[in-house]
C-alpha atoms as a PDB file:
ATOM      1  CA  MET A   1     -24.659  14.606 -76.825  1.00  0.00           C
ATOM      2  CA  ALA A   2     -24.100  11.109 -78.153  1.00  0.00           C
ATOM      3  CA  TYR A   3     -26.192   9.578 -75.379  1.00  0.00           C
ATOM      4  CA  SER A   4     -29.074  11.917 -76.209  1.00  0.00           C
ATOM      5  CA  TYR A   5     -29.113  10.369 -79.688  1.00  0.00           C
ATOM      6  CA  LEU A   6     -28.325   6.750 -78.931  1.00  0.00           C
ATOM      7  CA  HIS A   7     -29.834   6.083 -75.467  1.00  0.00           C
ATOM      8  CA  ASN A   8     -27.086   3.542 -74.958  1.00  0.00           C
ATOM      9  CA  MET A   9     -24.068   4.313 -72.807  1.00  0.00           C
ATOM     10  CA  SER A  10     -21.652   1.895 -74.484  1.00  0.00           C
ATOM     11  CA  ASP A  11     -22.479   3.270 -77.956  1.00  0.00           C
ATOM     12  CA  ALA A  12     -22.150   6.818 -76.633  1.00  0.00           C
ATOM     13  CA  GLU A  13     -18.729   6.007 -75.183  1.00  0.00           C
ATOM     14  CA  GLU A  14     -17.631   4.591 -78.540  1.00  0.00           C
ATOM     15  CA  ILE A  15     -18.805   7.780 -80.252  1.00  0.00           C
ATOM     16  CA  LEU A  16     -16.813   9.811 -77.728  1.00  0.00           C
ATOM     17  CA  GLN A  17     -13.692   7.800 -78.480  1.00  0.00           C
ATOM     18  CA  GLU A  18     -14.210   8.089 -82.242  1.00  0.00           C
ATOM     19  CA  THR A  19     -14.766  11.843 -81.907  1.00  0.00           C
ATOM     20  CA  LEU A  20     -11.503  12.269 -80.013  1.00  0.00           C
ATOM     21  CA  ILE A  21      -9.657  10.099 -82.539  1.00  0.00           C
ATOM     22  CA  ARG A  22     -11.009  12.264 -85.363  1.00  0.00           C
ATOM     23  CA  TYR A  23      -9.934  15.378 -83.495  1.00  0.00           C
ATOM     24  CA  LEU A  24      -6.395  14.049 -83.089  1.00  0.00           C
ATOM     25  CA  THR A  25      -6.255  12.800 -86.675  1.00  0.00           C
ATOM     26  CA  VAL A  26      -7.641  15.914 -88.378  1.00  0.00           C
ATOM     27  CA  GLN A  27      -6.150  18.448 -85.953  1.00  0.00           C
ATOM     28  CA  PRO A  28      -8.449  21.249 -87.114  1.00  0.00           C
ATOM     29  CA  GLU A  29      -7.230  24.815 -86.771  1.00  0.00           C
ATOM     30  CA  LEU A  30      -9.885  26.410 -84.587  1.00  0.00           C
ATOM     31  CA  GLN A  31     -10.164  29.962 -83.300  1.00  0.00           C
ATOM     32  CA  GLY A  32     -10.782  29.197 -79.651  1.00  0.00           C
ATOM     33  CA  PRO A  33     -12.312  26.903 -77.040  1.00  0.00           C
ATOM     34  CA  GLU A  34     -15.878  27.700 -78.162  1.00  0.00           C
ATOM     35  CA  HIS A  35     -15.072  26.679 -81.727  1.00  0.00           C
ATOM     36  CA  GLU A  36     -13.298  23.579 -80.485  1.00  0.00           C
ATOM     37  CA  LYS A  37     -16.327  22.529 -78.421  1.00  0.00           C
ATOM     38  CA  ALA A  38     -18.657  23.263 -81.342  1.00  0.00           C
ATOM     39  CA  TRP A  39     -16.471  21.173 -83.671  1.00  0.00           C
ATOM     40  CA  LEU A  40     -16.448  18.272 -81.222  1.00  0.00           C
ATOM     41  CA  LEU A  41     -20.231  18.461 -80.742  1.00  0.00           C
ATOM     42  CA  ARG A  42     -20.859  18.546 -84.485  1.00  0.00           C
ATOM     43  CA  VAL A  43     -18.619  15.532 -85.081  1.00  0.00           C
ATOM     44  CA  ALA A  44     -20.233  13.655 -82.178  1.00  0.00           C
ATOM     45  CA  ALA A  45     -23.707  14.442 -83.532  1.00  0.00           C
ATOM     46  CA  ASN A  46     -22.789  13.269 -87.025  1.00  0.00           C
ATOM     47  CA  LEU A  47     -21.183  10.081 -85.738  1.00  0.00           C
ATOM     48  CA  SER A  48     -24.235   9.435 -83.559  1.00  0.00           C
ATOM     49  CA  LYS A  49     -26.545   9.820 -86.554  1.00  0.00           C
ATOM     50  CA  ASN A  50     -24.351   7.394 -88.495  1.00  0.00           C
ATOM     51  CA  ARG A  51     -24.560   4.914 -85.627  1.00  0.00           C
ATOM     52  CA  LEU A  52     -28.355   5.240 -85.567  1.00  0.00           C
ATOM     53  CA  ASP A  53     -28.484   4.435 -89.277  1.00  0.00           C
ATOM     54  CA  TYR A  54     -26.157   1.491 -88.716  1.00  0.00           C
ATOM     55  CA  ASN A  55     -28.290   0.220 -85.835  1.00  0.00           C
ATOM     56  CA  ARG A  56     -31.448   0.488 -87.932  1.00  0.00           C
ATOM     57  CA  LEU A  57     -29.813  -1.497 -90.721  1.00  0.00           C
ATOM     58  CA  ARG A  58     -28.674  -4.179 -88.305  1.00  0.00           C
ATOM     59  CA  ASP A  59     -31.953  -4.229 -86.359  1.00  0.00           C
ATOM     60  CA  THR A  60     -30.161  -4.171 -83.035  1.00  0.00           C
ATOM     61  CA  ASP A  61     -31.957  -3.561 -79.805  1.00  0.00           C
ATOM     62  CA  GLU A  62     -30.479  -0.763 -77.777  1.00  0.00           C
ATOM     63  CA  LEU A  63     -30.014  -1.360 -74.085  1.00  0.00           C
ATOM     64  CA  GLU A  64     -32.232   0.711 -71.865  1.00  0.00           C
ATOM     65  CA  GLU A  65     -30.169   2.612 -69.364  1.00  0.00           C
ATOM     66  CA  THR A  66     -31.226   5.372 -67.013  1.00  0.00           C
ATOM     67  CA  LEU A  67     -29.879   8.862 -67.572  1.00  0.00           C
ATOM     68  CA  VAL A  68     -29.474  10.876 -64.434  1.00  0.00           C
ATOM     69  CA  SER A  69     -28.740  14.499 -65.159  1.00  0.00           C
ATOM     70  CA  GLN A  70     -25.784  15.764 -63.163  1.00  0.00           C
ATOM     71  CA  GLU A  71     -26.310  12.976 -60.605  1.00  0.00           C
ATOM     72  CA  ARG A  72     -29.729  14.354 -59.661  1.00  0.00           C
ATOM     73  CA  GLU A  73     -32.241  11.541 -59.687  1.00  0.00           C
ATOM     74  CA  ASP A  74     -35.147  13.985 -59.449  1.00  0.00           C
ATOM     75  CA  LEU A  75     -34.490  15.081 -63.059  1.00  0.00           C
ATOM     76  CA  SER A  76     -34.146  11.627 -64.594  1.00  0.00           C
ATOM     77  CA  PHE A  77     -37.826  11.609 -65.588  1.00  0.00           C
ATOM     78  CA  LEU A  78     -37.244  14.777 -67.601  1.00  0.00           C
ATOM     79  CA  TRP A  79     -34.406  13.252 -69.619  1.00  0.00           C
ATOM     80  CA  GLU A  80     -36.507  10.126 -70.149  1.00  0.00           C
ATOM     81  CA  ALA A  81     -39.176  12.383 -71.668  1.00  0.00           C
ATOM     82  CA  VAL A  82     -36.580  14.209 -73.796  1.00  0.00           C
ATOM     83  CA  LYS A  83     -35.427  10.846 -75.193  1.00  0.00           C
ATOM     84  CA  GLN A  84     -38.910  10.391 -76.686  1.00  0.00           C
ATOM     85  CA  LEU A  85     -38.625  13.523 -78.837  1.00  0.00           C
ATOM     86  CA  PRO A  86     -37.727  13.383 -82.539  1.00  0.00           C
ATOM     87  CA  ASP A  87     -34.021  13.868 -83.316  1.00  0.00           C
ATOM     88  CA  ALA A  88     -34.326  17.485 -84.491  1.00  0.00           C
ATOM     89  CA  ASN A  89     -36.157  18.548 -81.337  1.00  0.00           C
ATOM     90  CA  ARG A  90     -34.022  16.463 -78.991  1.00  0.00           C
ATOM     91  CA  GLU A  91     -30.704  17.808 -80.266  1.00  0.00           C
ATOM     92  CA  VAL A  92     -31.707  21.491 -80.055  1.00  0.00           C
ATOM     93  CA  ILE A  93     -33.154  21.009 -76.566  1.00  0.00           C
ATOM     94  CA  HIS A  94     -29.943  19.279 -75.479  1.00  0.00           C
ATOM     95  CA  LEU A  95     -27.725  22.006 -76.927  1.00  0.00           C
ATOM     96  CA  PHE A  96     -29.901  24.837 -75.613  1.00  0.00           C
ATOM     97  CA  TYR A  97     -30.658  23.644 -72.088  1.00  0.00           C
ATOM     98  CA  TYR A  98     -27.886  21.193 -71.238  1.00  0.00           C
ATOM     99  CA  GLU A  99     -24.938  22.724 -73.124  1.00  0.00           C
ATOM    100  CA  GLY A 100     -26.191  26.328 -72.753  1.00  0.00           C
ATOM    101  CA  TYR A 101     -25.739  27.410 -76.372  1.00  0.00           C
ATOM    102  CA  PRO A 102     -27.778  30.299 -77.811  1.00  0.00           C
ATOM    103  CA  THR A 103     -29.872  29.558 -80.903  1.00  0.00           C
ATOM    104  CA  ALA A 104     -27.409  31.343 -83.227  1.00  0.00           C
ATOM    105  CA  GLN A 105     -24.578  29.055 -82.105  1.00  0.00           C
ATOM    106  CA  ILE A 106     -26.796  25.962 -82.319  1.00  0.00           C
ATOM    107  CA  ALA A 107     -27.608  26.908 -85.910  1.00  0.00           C
ATOM    108  CA  LYS A 108     -23.893  26.972 -86.738  1.00  0.00           C
ATOM    109  CA  ILE A 109     -23.230  23.669 -84.964  1.00  0.00           C
ATOM    110  CA  LEU A 110     -26.095  21.876 -86.720  1.00  0.00           C
ATOM    111  CA  ASN A 111     -25.644  23.695 -90.028  1.00  0.00           C
ATOM    112  CA  ARG A 112     -29.219  24.989 -90.011  1.00  0.00           C
ATOM    113  CA  ARG A 113     -30.850  28.381 -90.160  1.00  0.00           C
ATOM    114  CA  GLU A 114     -31.406  30.092 -86.829  1.00  0.00           C
ATOM    115  CA  SER A 115     -35.138  30.357 -87.531  1.00  0.00           C
ATOM    116  CA  THR A 116     -35.267  26.587 -88.052  1.00  0.00           C
ATOM    117  CA  VAL A 117     -33.485  26.032 -84.745  1.00  0.00           C
ATOM    118  CA  ARG A 118     -35.948  28.307 -82.944  1.00  0.00           C
ATOM    119  CA  SER A 119     -38.874  26.460 -84.565  1.00  0.00           C
ATOM    120  CA  ASP A 120     -37.422  23.086 -83.572  1.00  0.00           C
ATOM    121  CA  LEU A 121     -36.897  24.375 -80.050  1.00  0.00           C
ATOM    122  CA  ARG A 122     -40.483  25.655 -79.839  1.00  0.00           C
ATOM    123  CA  ARG A 123     -41.884  22.399 -81.225  1.00  0.00           C
ATOM    124  CA  GLY A 124     -39.665  20.395 -78.881  1.00  0.00           C
ATOM    125  CA  ARG A 125     -40.893  22.321 -75.851  1.00  0.00           C
ATOM    126  CA  LYS A 126     -44.493  21.803 -76.955  1.00  0.00           C
ATOM    127  CA  ARG A 127     -43.975  18.058 -77.457  1.00  0.00           C
ATOM    128  CA  LEU A 128     -42.078  17.779 -74.197  1.00  0.00           C
ATOM    129  CA  LYS A 129     -44.893  19.516 -72.335  1.00  0.00           C
ATOM    130  CA  LYS A 130     -47.384  17.071 -73.844  1.00  0.00           C
ATOM    131  CA  ILE A 131     -45.230  14.055 -72.915  1.00  0.00           C
ATOM    132  CA  LEU A 132     -44.735  15.307 -69.359  1.00  0.00           C
ATOM    133  CA  LYS A 133     -48.438  15.994 -68.959  1.00  0.00           C
ATOM    134  CA  GLU A 134     -49.521  12.581 -70.310  1.00  0.00           C
ATOM    135  CA  GLU A 135     -46.927  10.339 -68.702  1.00  0.00           C
ATOM    136  CA  TYR A 136     -45.987  12.168 -65.539  1.00  0.00           C
ATOM    137  CA  ASP A 137     -49.106  14.252 -64.849  1.00  0.00           C
ATOM    138  CA  PHE A 138     -46.890  17.326 -64.915  1.00  0.00           C
ATOM    139  CA  GLU A 139     -48.335  20.740 -65.696  1.00  0.00           C
END
């Protein structure tokens, strides 16, 4: 999740560490593994957004690293295209397709209305299709 925001593996690893530290520090009382995962994803997303703001303020250049989905090089072009999407579209596509959450759960994780999540997902798919068609000649 953090990498989908930051496009930088070292920053994403720092976000992961900070998320786990927050989990151990806060020790939230959660109802089950699904709630625990949702809590961790929400914290990671918020920390990633904070890091993006910090990076913009500091004008740092992020390192370009290649994301290979589940060690399958044939899908790396897809994740490169996803990285080009706006934050709102990228995060719902990540949660829906990569994490496998339904739109109702994504709405809870991102603290948005379900209709907004579905709209962001639809817009993200449309933008992704355009990017894939233009850059990769993919129908």
